Amino acid sequence: MFFIISKILSFLFIPVTWIFILLVIAIILKNPKRKNKSLLAAVLLFYFFSNSFIMEEVNRVWEVPATSYKDLKTYDAGIILGGILDYDVKLDRMQFQRSADRLFQAVELYKTGVIKKIFFVGGSGSIEFYYLKEGMFVRRYLLLLGIPDKDIWIENESRNTHENAVGANEFLEKHEYTNGNFLLITSGSHMRRALACFEKVSLKVSPYSVDRRAGPIRRYTFDHLLIPNTGTLLDWASLIHEWIGMITYKIQGYA
């Protein structure tokens, strides 16, 4: 039930939904003044949430900073959190999302000897296609890259960040590996909630933020400061999802 409710909340609390509702209200209203106010509110919301500079600055505050390669040690495993791909049933192939940077970075860390094993944690985040587990597709992909099966750990039942932490901890306890040295690999905007969940289950990890939305330096170009960018609306949806997730997890005692 919590899983389904979180999906509904994610839809309701995104800027595109708010803008759409205001536009619908403007169409329905008969009073010209109220109609114009609703339209103006929709335009202002669109401009604010499509501004790249504002989005980047908010992300700069929220994201957990990335770790430099020179500051890394050697880790028993890199724990990669799911939510990185979709599966095209018709074409029978994976379609990576932007967050797939988590997996690509992990492969590089493995190839360079920073992590000894790749531990992917994630089942299905879909209500409809619950039987399509990310973990099994990731295993197949890693094997195609030539990574030995013995160096691939998969937990493919967890559906959200809380379950990721619980599932990872149970897997490591089962294999008597809880005292290992682990690197947690996930998106910078997701890292705060992920760390809180792993701390809650008493699994010690070091953060390795990837897929960062805030650039290394501030940009003051005309387009970045003033021109609307529709892609920024998606970034806001992702960030607000994290805020809602953190609040609900705190209430539930998951973080």
C-alpha atoms as a PDB file:
ATOM      1  CA  MET A   1       0.000   0.000   0.000  1.00  0.00           C
ATOM      2  CA  PHE A   2       2.815   2.430   0.901  1.00  0.00           C
ATOM      3  CA  PHE A   3       4.426   1.709  -2.474  1.00  0.00           C
ATOM      4  CA  ILE A   4       1.205   2.599  -4.349  1.00  0.00           C
ATOM      5  CA  ILE A   5       0.545   5.729  -2.253  1.00  0.00           C
ATOM      6  CA  SER A   6       4.083   6.973  -2.917  1.00  0.00           C
ATOM      7  CA  LYS A   7       3.481   6.626  -6.668  1.00  0.00           C
ATOM      8  CA  ILE A   8       0.268   8.664  -6.420  1.00  0.00           C
ATOM      9  CA  LEU A   9       1.940  11.388  -4.345  1.00  0.00           C
ATOM     10  CA  SER A  10       4.784  11.592  -6.857  1.00  0.00           C
ATOM     11  CA  PHE A  11       2.230  12.400  -9.570  1.00  0.00           C
ATOM     12  CA  LEU A  12       0.330  14.982  -7.527  1.00  0.00           C
ATOM     13  CA  PHE A  13       3.362  16.896  -6.277  1.00  0.00           C
ATOM     14  CA  ILE A  14       5.090  17.754  -9.534  1.00  0.00           C
ATOM     15  CA  PRO A  15       5.082  21.167 -11.261  1.00  0.00           C
ATOM     16  CA  VAL A  16       3.589  19.872 -14.529  1.00  0.00           C
ATOM     17  CA  THR A  17       0.518  18.637 -12.631  1.00  0.00           C
ATOM     18  CA  TRP A  18       0.075  21.996 -10.910  1.00  0.00           C
ATOM     19  CA  ILE A  19       0.404  23.897 -14.195  1.00  0.00           C
ATOM     20  CA  PHE A  20      -2.048  21.551 -15.899  1.00  0.00           C
ATOM     21  CA  ILE A  21      -4.616  21.995 -13.106  1.00  0.00           C
ATOM     22  CA  LEU A  22      -4.337  25.794 -13.303  1.00  0.00           C
ATOM     23  CA  LEU A  23      -4.865  25.699 -17.072  1.00  0.00           C
ATOM     24  CA  VAL A  24      -7.925  23.473 -16.687  1.00  0.00           C
ATOM     25  CA  ILE A  25      -9.305  25.845 -14.040  1.00  0.00           C
ATOM     26  CA  ALA A  26      -8.734  28.787 -16.407  1.00  0.00           C
ATOM     27  CA  ILE A  27     -10.744  27.004 -19.106  1.00  0.00           C
ATOM     28  CA  ILE A  28     -13.610  26.205 -16.732  1.00  0.00           C
ATOM     29  CA  LEU A  29     -13.877  29.606 -15.029  1.00  0.00           C
ATOM     30  CA  LYS A  30     -16.395  32.069 -16.449  1.00  0.00           C
ATOM     31  CA  ASN A  31     -15.209  35.138 -14.535  1.00  0.00           C
ATOM     32  CA  PRO A  32     -12.585  36.925 -16.733  1.00  0.00           C
ATOM     33  CA  LYS A  33     -10.539  38.208 -13.762  1.00  0.00           C
ATOM     34  CA  ARG A  34     -10.303  34.780 -12.135  1.00  0.00           C
ATOM     35  CA  LYS A  35      -9.569  33.199 -15.504  1.00  0.00           C
ATOM     36  CA  ASN A  36      -6.684  35.615 -16.072  1.00  0.00           C
ATOM     37  CA  LYS A  37      -5.338  35.053 -12.560  1.00  0.00           C
ATOM     38  CA  SER A  38      -5.307  31.307 -13.125  1.00  0.00           C
ATOM     39  CA  LEU A  39      -3.542  31.740 -16.475  1.00  0.00           C
ATOM     40  CA  LEU A  40      -0.998  34.126 -14.948  1.00  0.00           C
ATOM     41  CA  ALA A  41      -0.297  31.678 -12.119  1.00  0.00           C
ATOM     42  CA  ALA A  42       0.251  28.892 -14.670  1.00  0.00           C
ATOM     43  CA  VAL A  43       2.665  31.060 -16.687  1.00  0.00           C
ATOM     44  CA  LEU A  44       4.634  32.129 -13.595  1.00  0.00           C
ATOM     45  CA  LEU A  45       4.877  28.553 -12.337  1.00  0.00           C
ATOM     46  CA  PHE A  46       6.043  27.383 -15.744  1.00  0.00           C
ATOM     47  CA  TYR A  47       8.708  30.081 -15.951  1.00  0.00           C
ATOM     48  CA  PHE A  48       9.993  29.450 -12.424  1.00  0.00           C
ATOM     49  CA  PHE A  49      10.166  25.676 -12.739  1.00  0.00           C
ATOM     50  CA  SER A  50      11.670  25.792 -16.237  1.00  0.00           C
ATOM     51  CA  ASN A  51      14.513  28.105 -15.207  1.00  0.00           C
ATOM     52  CA  SER A  52      17.784  26.174 -15.406  1.00  0.00           C
ATOM     53  CA  PHE A  53      19.730  28.489 -13.099  1.00  0.00           C
ATOM     54  CA  ILE A  54      17.208  28.203 -10.252  1.00  0.00           C
ATOM     55  CA  MET A  55      17.019  24.435 -10.639  1.00  0.00           C
ATOM     56  CA  GLU A  56      20.785  24.053 -10.595  1.00  0.00           C
ATOM     57  CA  GLU A  57      21.204  26.210  -7.498  1.00  0.00           C
ATOM     58  CA  VAL A  58      18.566  24.260  -5.558  1.00  0.00           C
ATOM     59  CA  ASN A  59      20.229  21.004  -6.589  1.00  0.00           C
ATOM     60  CA  ARG A  60      23.597  22.378  -5.547  1.00  0.00           C
ATOM     61  CA  VAL A  61      22.283  22.725  -1.989  1.00  0.00           C
ATOM     62  CA  TRP A  62      20.452  19.385  -1.884  1.00  0.00           C
ATOM     63  CA  GLU A  63      22.835  16.993  -3.623  1.00  0.00           C
ATOM     64  CA  VAL A  64      25.496  15.138  -1.676  1.00  0.00           C
ATOM     65  CA  PRO A  65      28.831  16.290  -3.176  1.00  0.00           C
ATOM     66  CA  ALA A  66      30.704  13.900  -5.443  1.00  0.00           C
ATOM     67  CA  THR A  67      33.866  12.158  -4.253  1.00  0.00           C
ATOM     68  CA  SER A  68      37.115  12.573  -6.157  1.00  0.00           C
ATOM     69  CA  TYR A  69      38.809   9.417  -7.473  1.00  0.00           C
ATOM     70  CA  LYS A  70      41.936  10.233  -5.489  1.00  0.00           C
ATOM     71  CA  ASP A  71      39.938  10.116  -2.245  1.00  0.00           C
ATOM     72  CA  LEU A  72      38.629   6.591  -2.842  1.00  0.00           C
ATOM     73  CA  LYS A  73      39.977   3.484  -1.145  1.00  0.00           C
ATOM     74  CA  THR A  74      39.465  -0.149  -2.109  1.00  0.00           C
ATOM     75  CA  TYR A  75      36.003  -1.485  -1.300  1.00  0.00           C
ATOM     76  CA  ASP A  76      34.640  -5.000  -0.940  1.00  0.00           C
ATOM     77  CA  ALA A  77      31.665  -4.041  -3.087  1.00  0.00           C
ATOM     78  CA  GLY A  78      29.931  -1.135  -4.718  1.00  0.00           C
ATOM     79  CA  ILE A  79      26.224  -1.069  -3.844  1.00  0.00           C
ATOM     80  CA  ILE A  80      24.272   0.281  -6.813  1.00  0.00           C
ATOM     81  CA  LEU A  81      20.654   1.265  -6.193  1.00  0.00           C
ATOM     82  CA  GLY A  82      18.011   0.445  -8.805  1.00  0.00           C
ATOM     83  CA  GLY A  83      15.700   2.662 -10.813  1.00  0.00           C
ATOM     84  CA  ILE A  84      18.085   2.870 -13.759  1.00  0.00           C
ATOM     85  CA  LEU A  85      16.258   1.199 -16.639  1.00  0.00           C
ATOM     86  CA  ASP A  86      13.003   0.256 -18.311  1.00  0.00           C
ATOM     87  CA  TYR A  87      12.406  -2.956 -20.199  1.00  0.00           C
ATOM     88  CA  ASP A  88      10.846  -2.958 -23.660  1.00  0.00           C
ATOM     89  CA  VAL A  89       8.783  -6.149 -23.696  1.00  0.00           C
ATOM     90  CA  LYS A  90       8.065  -5.939 -27.415  1.00  0.00           C
ATOM     91  CA  LEU A  91      11.698  -5.484 -28.456  1.00  0.00           C
ATOM     92  CA  ASP A  92      13.045  -7.633 -25.604  1.00  0.00           C
ATOM     93  CA  ARG A  93      15.736  -5.170 -24.617  1.00  0.00           C
ATOM     94  CA  MET A  94      16.710  -2.759 -21.870  1.00  0.00           C
ATOM     95  CA  GLN A  95      16.355   1.000 -22.160  1.00  0.00           C
ATOM     96  CA  PHE A  96      18.658   2.856 -19.801  1.00  0.00           C
ATOM     97  CA  GLN A  97      17.495   6.003 -18.018  1.00  0.00           C
ATOM     98  CA  ARG A  98      19.651   8.983 -17.084  1.00  0.00           C
ATOM     99  CA  SER A  99      20.214   7.449 -13.654  1.00  0.00           C
ATOM    100  CA  ALA A 100      21.987   4.520 -15.362  1.00  0.00           C
ATOM    101  CA  ASP A 101      25.132   6.542 -14.673  1.00  0.00           C
ATOM    102  CA  ARG A 102      25.041   4.636 -11.370  1.00  0.00           C
ATOM    103  CA  LEU A 103      25.764   1.376 -13.179  1.00  0.00           C
ATOM    104  CA  PHE A 104      28.232   2.801 -15.699  1.00  0.00           C
ATOM    105  CA  GLN A 105      30.286   4.415 -12.929  1.00  0.00           C
ATOM    106  CA  ALA A 106      30.229   1.159 -10.965  1.00  0.00           C
ATOM    107  CA  VAL A 107      31.589  -0.770 -13.951  1.00  0.00           C
ATOM    108  CA  GLU A 108      34.446   1.720 -14.261  1.00  0.00           C
ATOM    109  CA  LEU A 109      35.185   1.458 -10.534  1.00  0.00           C
ATOM    110  CA  TYR A 110      35.235  -2.334 -10.847  1.00  0.00           C
ATOM    111  CA  LYS A 111      37.507  -2.289 -13.906  1.00  0.00           C
ATOM    112  CA  THR A 112      39.954   0.040 -12.141  1.00  0.00           C
ATOM    113  CA  GLY A 113      40.030  -2.110  -8.996  1.00  0.00           C
ATOM    114  CA  VAL A 114      38.299   0.345  -6.660  1.00  0.00           C
ATOM    115  CA  ILE A 115      35.464  -2.107  -5.933  1.00  0.00           C
ATOM    116  CA  LYS A 116      35.911  -5.884  -5.862  1.00  0.00           C
ATOM    117  CA  LYS A 117      32.275  -6.760  -6.523  1.00  0.00           C
ATOM    118  CA  ILE A 118      29.257  -5.102  -8.102  1.00  0.00           C
ATOM    119  CA  PHE A 119      26.202  -5.414  -5.861  1.00  0.00           C
ATOM    120  CA  PHE A 120      23.055  -4.282  -7.664  1.00  0.00           C
ATOM    121  CA  VAL A 121      20.003  -3.745  -5.473  1.00  0.00           C
ATOM    122  CA  GLY A 122      16.622  -3.338  -7.151  1.00  0.00           C
ATOM    123  CA  GLY A 123      13.596  -5.295  -8.287  1.00  0.00           C
ATOM    124  CA  SER A 124      10.643  -3.759 -10.108  1.00  0.00           C
ATOM    125  CA  GLY A 125       9.512  -0.193  -9.480  1.00  0.00           C
ATOM    126  CA  SER A 126       6.462  -0.705 -11.675  1.00  0.00           C
ATOM    127  CA  ILE A 127       2.970  -1.447 -10.386  1.00  0.00           C
ATOM    128  CA  GLU A 128       1.887  -2.958 -13.707  1.00  0.00           C
ATOM    129  CA  PHE A 129       5.022  -4.905 -14.672  1.00  0.00           C
ATOM    130  CA  TYR A 130       5.947  -6.070 -11.183  1.00  0.00           C
ATOM    131  CA  TYR A 131       7.396  -9.326 -12.516  1.00  0.00           C
ATOM    132  CA  LEU A 132      10.113  -7.579 -14.564  1.00  0.00           C
ATOM    133  CA  LYS A 133      13.005  -7.359 -12.100  1.00  0.00           C
ATOM    134  CA  GLU A 134      15.804  -4.905 -12.846  1.00  0.00           C
ATOM    135  CA  GLY A 135      18.345  -7.124 -11.179  1.00  0.00           C
ATOM    136  CA  MET A 136      18.070  -9.959 -13.687  1.00  0.00           C
ATOM    137  CA  PHE A 137      18.545  -7.587 -16.635  1.00  0.00           C
ATOM    138  CA  VAL A 138      21.534  -5.916 -14.974  1.00  0.00           C
ATOM    139  CA  ARG A 139      23.161  -9.306 -14.355  1.00  0.00           C
ATOM    140  CA  ARG A 140      22.763 -10.193 -18.024  1.00  0.00           C
ATOM    141  CA  TYR A 141      24.254  -6.854 -19.051  1.00  0.00           C
ATOM    142  CA  LEU A 142      27.251  -7.193 -16.733  1.00  0.00           C
ATOM    143  CA  LEU A 143      27.955 -10.720 -17.957  1.00  0.00           C
ATOM    144  CA  LEU A 144      27.940  -9.418 -21.549  1.00  0.00           C
ATOM    145  CA  LEU A 145      30.618  -6.923 -20.472  1.00  0.00           C
ATOM    146  CA  GLY A 146      32.784  -9.829 -19.368  1.00  0.00           C
ATOM    147  CA  ILE A 147      32.418  -9.370 -15.616  1.00  0.00           C
ATOM    148  CA  PRO A 148      32.638 -12.773 -13.868  1.00  0.00           C
ATOM    149  CA  ASP A 149      29.422 -14.042 -12.301  1.00  0.00           C
ATOM    150  CA  LYS A 150      31.240 -14.510  -8.969  1.00  0.00           C
ATOM    151  CA  ASP A 151      31.781 -10.744  -8.812  1.00  0.00           C
ATOM    152  CA  ILE A 152      28.121  -9.911  -9.426  1.00  0.00           C
ATOM    153  CA  TRP A 153      25.697  -9.785  -6.495  1.00  0.00           C
ATOM    154  CA  ILE A 154      22.027  -9.189  -7.172  1.00  0.00           C
ATOM    155  CA  GLU A 155      19.102  -8.395  -4.860  1.00  0.00           C
ATOM    156  CA  ASN A 156      16.017  -8.133  -7.065  1.00  0.00           C
ATOM    157  CA  GLU A 157      13.013  -7.978  -4.724  1.00  0.00           C
ATOM    158  CA  SER A 158      13.229  -4.426  -3.330  1.00  0.00           C
ATOM    159  CA  ARG A 159      10.993  -1.767  -4.925  1.00  0.00           C
ATOM    160  CA  ASN A 160      12.004   1.473  -3.211  1.00  0.00           C
ATOM    161  CA  THR A 161      14.892   3.013  -1.286  1.00  0.00           C
ATOM    162  CA  HIS A 162      13.760   1.691   2.093  1.00  0.00           C
ATOM    163  CA  GLU A 163      13.456  -1.830   0.710  1.00  0.00           C
ATOM    164  CA  ASN A 164      16.831  -1.382  -1.035  1.00  0.00           C
ATOM    165  CA  ALA A 165      18.528  -0.822   2.312  1.00  0.00           C
ATOM    166  CA  VAL A 166      16.678  -3.660   4.046  1.00  0.00           C
ATOM    167  CA  GLY A 167      17.268  -6.046   1.138  1.00  0.00           C
ATOM    168  CA  ALA A 168      20.960  -5.200   0.868  1.00  0.00           C
ATOM    169  CA  ASN A 169      21.465  -5.679   4.594  1.00  0.00           C
ATOM    170  CA  GLU A 170      19.659  -9.037   4.603  1.00  0.00           C
ATOM    171  CA  PHE A 171      21.688 -10.219   1.609  1.00  0.00           C
ATOM    172  CA  LEU A 172      24.973  -9.274   3.270  1.00  0.00           C
ATOM    173  CA  GLU A 173      23.938 -10.844   6.584  1.00  0.00           C
ATOM    174  CA  LYS A 174      23.050 -14.061   4.777  1.00  0.00           C
ATOM    175  CA  HIS A 175      26.497 -14.130   3.179  1.00  0.00           C
ATOM    176  CA  GLU A 176      28.200 -13.008   6.424  1.00  0.00           C
ATOM    177  CA  TYR A 177      29.532  -9.856   4.821  1.00  0.00           C
ATOM    178  CA  THR A 178      28.053  -7.125   7.040  1.00  0.00           C
ATOM    179  CA  ASN A 179      31.448  -5.951   8.313  1.00  0.00           C
ATOM    180  CA  GLY A 180      32.746  -5.282   4.829  1.00  0.00           C
ATOM    181  CA  ASN A 181      33.785  -1.965   3.353  1.00  0.00           C
ATOM    182  CA  PHE A 182      31.055  -0.780   0.968  1.00  0.00           C
ATOM    183  CA  LEU A 183      30.661   2.096  -1.466  1.00  0.00           C
ATOM    184  CA  LEU A 184      27.079   3.295  -1.978  1.00  0.00           C
ATOM    185  CA  ILE A 185      26.571   4.412  -5.577  1.00  0.00           C
ATOM    186  CA  THR A 186      23.470   6.412  -6.464  1.00  0.00           C
ATOM    187  CA  SER A 187      22.400   9.761  -7.913  1.00  0.00           C
ATOM    188  CA  GLY A 188      23.507  12.858  -6.035  1.00  0.00           C
ATOM    189  CA  SER A 189      19.922  14.002  -5.445  1.00  0.00           C
ATOM    190  CA  HIS A 190      18.967  10.546  -4.152  1.00  0.00           C
ATOM    191  CA  MET A 191      21.969  10.078  -1.876  1.00  0.00           C
ATOM    192  CA  ARG A 192      20.595  11.878   1.222  1.00  0.00           C
ATOM    193  CA  ARG A 193      17.564   9.606   1.452  1.00  0.00           C
ATOM    194  CA  ALA A 194      19.615   6.530   0.578  1.00  0.00           C
ATOM    195  CA  LEU A 195      22.199   7.219   3.292  1.00  0.00           C
ATOM    196  CA  ALA A 196      19.439   7.786   5.859  1.00  0.00           C
ATOM    197  CA  CYS A 197      17.852   4.429   4.978  1.00  0.00           C
ATOM    198  CA  PHE A 198      21.140   2.519   5.148  1.00  0.00           C
ATOM    199  CA  GLU A 199      21.991   4.174   8.456  1.00  0.00           C
ATOM    200  CA  LYS A 200      18.583   3.092   9.773  1.00  0.00           C
ATOM    201  CA  VAL A 201      19.396  -0.585   9.121  1.00  0.00           C
ATOM    202  CA  SER A 202      22.897  -0.083  10.601  1.00  0.00           C
ATOM    203  CA  LEU A 203      24.711  -0.849   7.354  1.00  0.00           C
ATOM    204  CA  LYS A 204      27.819   1.323   7.095  1.00  0.00           C
ATOM    205  CA  VAL A 205      28.549   2.677   3.623  1.00  0.00           C
ATOM    206  CA  SER A 206      30.607   5.434   2.030  1.00  0.00           C
ATOM    207  CA  PRO A 207      28.709   7.691  -0.417  1.00  0.00           C
ATOM    208  CA  TYR A 208      29.674   7.979  -4.072  1.00  0.00           C
ATOM    209  CA  SER A 209      27.356  10.446  -5.796  1.00  0.00           C
ATOM    210  CA  VAL A 210      26.860  10.195  -9.559  1.00  0.00           C
ATOM    211  CA  ASP A 211      24.400  11.599 -12.116  1.00  0.00           C
ATOM    212  CA  ARG A 212      24.720  15.065 -10.590  1.00  0.00           C
ATOM    213  CA  ARG A 213      22.307  17.750 -11.815  1.00  0.00           C
ATOM    214  CA  ALA A 214      24.338  20.683 -10.453  1.00  0.00           C
ATOM    215  CA  GLY A 215      27.324  21.518 -12.644  1.00  0.00           C
ATOM    216  CA  PRO A 216      30.837  21.959 -11.207  1.00  0.00           C
ATOM    217  CA  ILE A 217      30.751  25.711 -11.880  1.00  0.00           C
ATOM    218  CA  ARG A 218      27.946  28.276 -11.996  1.00  0.00           C
ATOM    219  CA  ARG A 219      26.831  29.411 -15.432  1.00  0.00           C
ATOM    220  CA  TYR A 220      25.720  32.990 -16.050  1.00  0.00           C
ATOM    221  CA  THR A 221      24.925  32.738 -19.755  1.00  0.00           C
ATOM    222  CA  PHE A 222      21.760  34.332 -21.148  1.00  0.00           C
ATOM    223  CA  ASP A 223      20.027  31.055 -21.993  1.00  0.00           C
ATOM    224  CA  HIS A 224      20.855  29.481 -18.631  1.00  0.00           C
ATOM    225  CA  LEU A 225      19.599  32.496 -16.683  1.00  0.00           C
ATOM    226  CA  LEU A 226      16.501  33.498 -18.638  1.00  0.00           C
ATOM    227  CA  ILE A 227      15.379  31.060 -21.349  1.00  0.00           C
ATOM    228  CA  PRO A 228      12.863  28.389 -20.220  1.00  0.00           C
ATOM    229  CA  ASN A 229      14.086  24.802 -20.469  1.00  0.00           C
ATOM    230  CA  THR A 230      11.388  22.123 -20.487  1.00  0.00           C
ATOM    231  CA  GLY A 231      13.912  19.501 -19.387  1.00  0.00           C
ATOM    232  CA  THR A 232      14.220  21.375 -16.090  1.00  0.00           C
ATOM    233  CA  LEU A 233      10.602  20.457 -15.304  1.00  0.00           C
ATOM    234  CA  LEU A 234      11.678  16.806 -15.196  1.00  0.00           C
ATOM    235  CA  ASP A 235      14.563  17.665 -12.871  1.00  0.00           C
ATOM    236  CA  TRP A 236      12.121  19.399 -10.511  1.00  0.00           C
ATOM    237  CA  ALA A 237       9.841  16.358 -10.574  1.00  0.00           C
ATOM    238  CA  SER A 238      12.778  14.171  -9.573  1.00  0.00           C
ATOM    239  CA  LEU A 239      13.890  16.537  -6.810  1.00  0.00           C
ATOM    240  CA  ILE A 240      10.394  17.008  -5.359  1.00  0.00           C
ATOM    241  CA  HIS A 241      10.033  13.225  -5.414  1.00  0.00           C
ATOM    242  CA  GLU A 242      13.119  13.056  -3.187  1.00  0.00           C
ATOM    243  CA  TRP A 243      11.759  15.670  -0.770  1.00  0.00           C
ATOM    244  CA  ILE A 244       8.434  13.880  -0.464  1.00  0.00           C
ATOM    245  CA  GLY A 245      10.256  10.589  -0.082  1.00  0.00           C
ATOM    246  CA  MET A 246      12.436  11.926   2.717  1.00  0.00           C
ATOM    247  CA  ILE A 247       9.453  13.383   4.597  1.00  0.00           C
ATOM    248  CA  THR A 248       7.334  10.233   4.289  1.00  0.00           C
ATOM    249  CA  TYR A 249      10.283   8.022   5.230  1.00  0.00           C
ATOM    250  CA  LYS A 250      10.886  10.110   8.356  1.00  0.00           C
ATOM    251  CA  ILE A 251       7.217   9.749   9.294  1.00  0.00           C
ATOM    252  CA  GLN A 252       7.293   5.996   8.631  1.00  0.00           C
ATOM    253  CA  GLY A 253      10.548   5.580  10.567  1.00  0.00           C
ATOM    254  CA  TYR A 254      12.449   4.370   7.497  1.00  0.00           C
ATOM    255  CA  ALA A 255      15.053   7.137   7.623  1.00  0.00           C
END
